[in-house]
């Protein structure tokens, strides 16, 4: 009465795949957030530099 993969075995494999996809999605979101922060810092530096040079 061996049916190969049981329902619970398939469910656990599916949950591992879903957790892996969520982990990859989280890492990608972190990568995009870091890129956004780098651009924001650059824009802030340009803004501050522009304000300082205008006063002088």
Protein backbone atom coordinates (compact mmCIF):
# COMPACT_ATOMS: atom_id res chain seq x y z
CA UNK A 1 0.00 0.00 0.00
CA UNK A 2 2.80 2.40 -0.85
CA UNK A 3 1.37 5.29 -2.84
CA UNK A 4 4.65 7.15 -3.38
CA UNK A 5 4.27 10.68 -2.13
CA UNK A 6 1.55 11.26 0.44
CA UNK A 7 -0.53 14.40 0.71
CA UNK A 8 1.41 15.65 3.74
CA UNK A 9 4.74 15.04 2.04
CA UNK A 10 3.62 17.02 -0.99
CA UNK A 11 2.25 19.77 1.27
CA UNK A 12 5.56 20.06 3.12
CA UNK A 13 7.51 20.26 -0.14
CA UNK A 14 5.12 22.92 -1.40
CA UNK A 15 5.48 24.92 1.81
CA UNK A 16 9.28 24.75 1.56
CA UNK A 17 9.08 26.09 -2.00
CA UNK A 18 6.73 28.89 -0.92
CA UNK A 19 9.00 29.83 2.00
CA UNK A 20 11.97 29.88 -0.37
CA UNK A 21 10.13 32.15 -2.78
CA UNK A 22 9.19 34.52 0.04
CA UNK A 23 12.81 34.57 1.20
CA UNK A 24 13.98 35.45 -2.32
CA UNK A 25 11.29 38.10 -2.58
CA UNK A 26 12.44 39.60 0.72
CA UNK A 27 16.06 39.67 -0.43
CA UNK A 28 15.04 41.34 -3.69
CA UNK A 29 13.02 43.94 -1.76
CA UNK A 30 16.05 44.60 0.44
CA UNK A 31 18.22 45.03 -2.67
CA UNK A 32 15.74 47.53 -4.15
CA UNK A 33 15.53 49.40 -0.83
CA UNK A 34 19.32 49.72 -0.67
CA UNK A 35 19.41 51.04 -4.25
CA UNK A 36 16.68 53.55 -3.39
CA UNK A 37 18.53 54.73 -0.28
CA UNK A 38 21.74 55.23 -2.27
CA UNK A 39 19.85 57.35 -4.80
CA UNK A 40 18.17 59.32 -2.02
CA UNK A 41 21.50 60.05 -0.34
CA UNK A 42 22.97 61.19 -3.66
CA UNK A 43 19.97 63.45 -4.32
CA UNK A 44 20.23 64.91 -0.81
CA UNK A 45 23.94 65.61 -1.28
CA UNK A 46 23.24 67.36 -4.59
CA UNK A 47 20.47 69.41 -2.97
CA UNK A 48 22.67 70.46 -0.06
CA UNK A 49 25.55 71.31 -2.40
CA UNK A 50 23.23 73.40 -4.57
CA UNK A 51 21.91 75.31 -1.56
CA UNK A 52 25.41 76.00 -0.24
CA UNK A 53 26.74 77.25 -3.57
CA UNK A 54 23.76 79.54 -4.09
CA UNK A 55 24.41 81.37 -0.80
CA UNK A 56 28.04 82.00 -1.60
